[in-house]
Amino acid sequence: MSLEFLNKLKKDNKEIRREQNKRYRQKNREILNLKKQRTYYKESLEKKQEKIRIN
């Protein structure tokens, strides 16, 4: 899909866009969850490292 098409779709019909997003999230649920986990663990690691530096 081209970016122009998506931008036009977003403006023209929000309901269709919502359905597209929903299908994308369902299809890529595992990948999205792994990204969230990675972000969480990265932040957690940074906090631990900062604690160690302070002490």
N, C-alpha and C. Protein backbone atom coordinates (compact mmCIF):
# COMPACT_ATOMS: atom_id res chain seq x y z
N MET A 1 0.84 -1.19 0.00
CA MET A 1 0.00 0.00 0.00
C MET A 1 0.88 1.24 0.00
N SER A 2 0.48 2.19 -0.79
CA SER A 2 1.25 3.41 -0.83
C SER A 2 0.85 4.33 0.31
N LEU A 3 1.77 5.17 0.68
CA LEU A 3 1.53 6.10 1.77
C LEU A 3 0.42 7.09 1.40
N GLU A 4 0.40 7.49 0.16
CA GLU A 4 -0.65 8.43 -0.28
C GLU A 4 -2.03 7.80 -0.13
N PHE A 5 -2.12 6.53 -0.50
CA PHE A 5 -3.39 5.83 -0.37
C PHE A 5 -3.84 5.78 1.09
N LEU A 6 -2.92 5.45 1.97
CA LEU A 6 -3.28 5.36 3.39
C LEU A 6 -3.69 6.71 3.96
N ASN A 7 -3.00 7.76 3.56
CA ASN A 7 -3.36 9.09 4.04
C ASN A 7 -4.74 9.49 3.56
N LYS A 8 -5.03 9.20 2.30
CA LYS A 8 -6.35 9.52 1.76
C LYS A 8 -7.42 8.70 2.47
N LEU A 9 -7.14 7.44 2.70
CA LEU A 9 -8.09 6.57 3.37
C LEU A 9 -8.36 7.06 4.78
N LYS A 10 -7.33 7.47 5.46
CA LYS A 10 -7.48 7.96 6.83
C LYS A 10 -8.42 9.16 6.87
N LYS A 11 -8.29 10.03 5.89
CA LYS A 11 -9.14 11.22 5.86
C LYS A 11 -10.56 10.89 5.41
N ASP A 12 -10.67 10.00 4.43
CA ASP A 12 -11.96 9.73 3.82
C ASP A 12 -12.88 8.87 4.70
N ASN A 13 -12.34 7.79 5.23
CA ASN A 13 -13.22 6.87 5.93
C ASN A 13 -12.50 6.27 7.13
N LYS A 14 -12.78 6.82 8.28
CA LYS A 14 -12.10 6.38 9.50
C LYS A 14 -12.49 4.97 9.91
N GLU A 15 -13.69 4.56 9.61
CA GLU A 15 -14.13 3.21 9.98
C GLU A 15 -13.34 2.14 9.23
N ILE A 16 -13.13 2.34 7.96
CA ILE A 16 -12.31 1.39 7.18
C ILE A 16 -10.91 1.34 7.74
N ARG A 17 -10.38 2.48 8.09
CA ARG A 17 -9.03 2.56 8.65
C ARG A 17 -8.95 1.80 9.98
N ARG A 18 -9.96 1.95 10.80
CA ARG A 18 -10.01 1.22 12.07
C ARG A 18 -9.98 -0.29 11.84
N GLU A 19 -10.76 -0.73 10.85
CA GLU A 19 -10.81 -2.16 10.53
C GLU A 19 -9.45 -2.65 10.02
N GLN A 20 -8.79 -1.84 9.22
CA GLN A 20 -7.45 -2.21 8.74
C GLN A 20 -6.49 -2.35 9.91
N ASN A 21 -6.53 -1.40 10.81
CA ASN A 21 -5.65 -1.44 11.98
C ASN A 21 -5.93 -2.67 12.83
N LYS A 22 -7.20 -2.97 12.99
CA LYS A 22 -7.59 -4.13 13.78
C LYS A 22 -7.05 -5.41 13.16
N ARG A 23 -7.20 -5.55 11.84
CA ARG A 23 -6.68 -6.73 11.15
C ARG A 23 -5.16 -6.81 11.28
N TYR A 24 -4.51 -5.68 11.15
CA TYR A 24 -3.04 -5.65 11.29
C TYR A 24 -2.62 -6.11 12.68
N ARG A 25 -3.28 -5.60 13.70
CA ARG A 25 -2.94 -5.98 15.08
C ARG A 25 -3.19 -7.46 15.33
N GLN A 26 -4.28 -7.99 14.78
CA GLN A 26 -4.56 -9.41 14.95
C GLN A 26 -3.52 -10.26 14.25
N LYS A 27 -3.18 -9.86 13.04
CA LYS A 27 -2.21 -10.61 12.24
C LYS A 27 -0.83 -10.58 12.88
N ASN A 28 -0.45 -9.46 13.44
CA ASN A 28 0.90 -9.27 13.96
C ASN A 28 0.94 -9.18 15.48
N ARG A 29 -0.03 -9.79 16.12
CA ARG A 29 -0.14 -9.71 17.58
C ARG A 29 1.14 -10.16 18.28
N GLU A 30 1.69 -11.28 17.85
CA GLU A 30 2.88 -11.81 18.51
C GLU A 30 4.07 -10.83 18.37
N ILE A 31 4.26 -10.31 17.20
CA ILE A 31 5.36 -9.36 16.97
C ILE A 31 5.16 -8.11 17.81
N LEU A 32 3.95 -7.59 17.84
CA LEU A 32 3.67 -6.38 18.62
C LEU A 32 3.90 -6.62 20.11
N ASN A 33 3.49 -7.79 20.60
CA ASN A 33 3.71 -8.11 22.01
C ASN A 33 5.20 -8.24 22.32
N LEU A 34 5.95 -8.84 21.41
CA LEU A 34 7.39 -8.97 21.62
C LEU A 34 8.07 -7.60 21.64
N LYS A 35 7.60 -6.71 20.80
CA LYS A 35 8.15 -5.34 20.80
C LYS A 35 7.89 -4.65 22.13
N LYS A 36 6.67 -4.82 22.65
CA LYS A 36 6.33 -4.23 23.94
C LYS A 36 7.19 -4.82 25.05
N GLN A 37 7.37 -6.14 25.02
CA GLN A 37 8.21 -6.80 26.03
C GLN A 37 9.63 -6.28 25.96
N ARG A 38 10.14 -6.17 24.76
CA ARG A 38 11.52 -5.70 24.58
C ARG A 38 11.68 -4.29 25.13
N THR A 39 10.73 -3.44 24.86
CA THR A 39 10.78 -2.08 25.37
C THR A 39 10.75 -2.08 26.90
N TYR A 40 9.88 -2.88 27.47
CA TYR A 40 9.77 -2.96 28.93
C TYR A 40 11.09 -3.43 29.54
N TYR A 41 11.65 -4.51 29.00
CA TYR A 41 12.89 -5.06 29.56
C TYR A 41 14.06 -4.11 29.37
N LYS A 42 14.07 -3.40 28.26
CA LYS A 42 15.13 -2.43 28.01
C LYS A 42 15.07 -1.30 29.05
N GLU A 43 13.87 -0.78 29.29
CA GLU A 43 13.71 0.27 30.30
C GLU A 43 14.09 -0.24 31.68
N SER A 44 13.68 -1.45 31.98
CA SER A 44 13.99 -2.05 33.27
C SER A 44 15.51 -2.19 33.44
N LEU A 45 16.17 -2.65 32.42
CA LEU A 45 17.62 -2.81 32.46
C LEU A 45 18.31 -1.46 32.67
N GLU A 46 17.83 -0.45 31.96
CA GLU A 46 18.43 0.89 32.09
C GLU A 46 18.26 1.42 33.52
N LYS A 47 17.11 1.17 34.12
CA LYS A 47 16.88 1.61 35.50
C LYS A 47 17.84 0.90 36.45
N LYS A 48 18.01 -0.40 36.26
CA LYS A 48 18.92 -1.17 37.11
C LYS A 48 20.35 -0.68 36.95
N GLN A 49 20.75 -0.40 35.72
CA GLN A 49 22.10 0.09 35.46
C GLN A 49 22.30 1.46 36.11
N GLU A 50 21.29 2.27 36.06
CA GLU A 50 21.38 3.61 36.67
C GLU A 50 21.52 3.48 38.19
N LYS A 51 20.78 2.57 38.79
CA LYS A 51 20.88 2.34 40.24
C LYS A 51 22.29 1.92 40.61
N ILE A 52 22.87 1.05 39.81
CA ILE A 52 24.22 0.55 40.07
C ILE A 52 25.23 1.70 39.97
N ARG A 53 25.07 2.57 38.99
CA ARG A 53 25.97 3.72 38.82
C ARG A 53 25.90 4.66 40.00
N ILE A 54 24.69 4.87 40.51
CA ILE A 54 24.50 5.80 41.64
C ILE A 54 25.18 5.23 42.89
N ASN A 55 25.07 3.95 43.11
CA ASN A 55 25.66 3.32 44.30
C ASN A 55 27.10 3.09 44.03
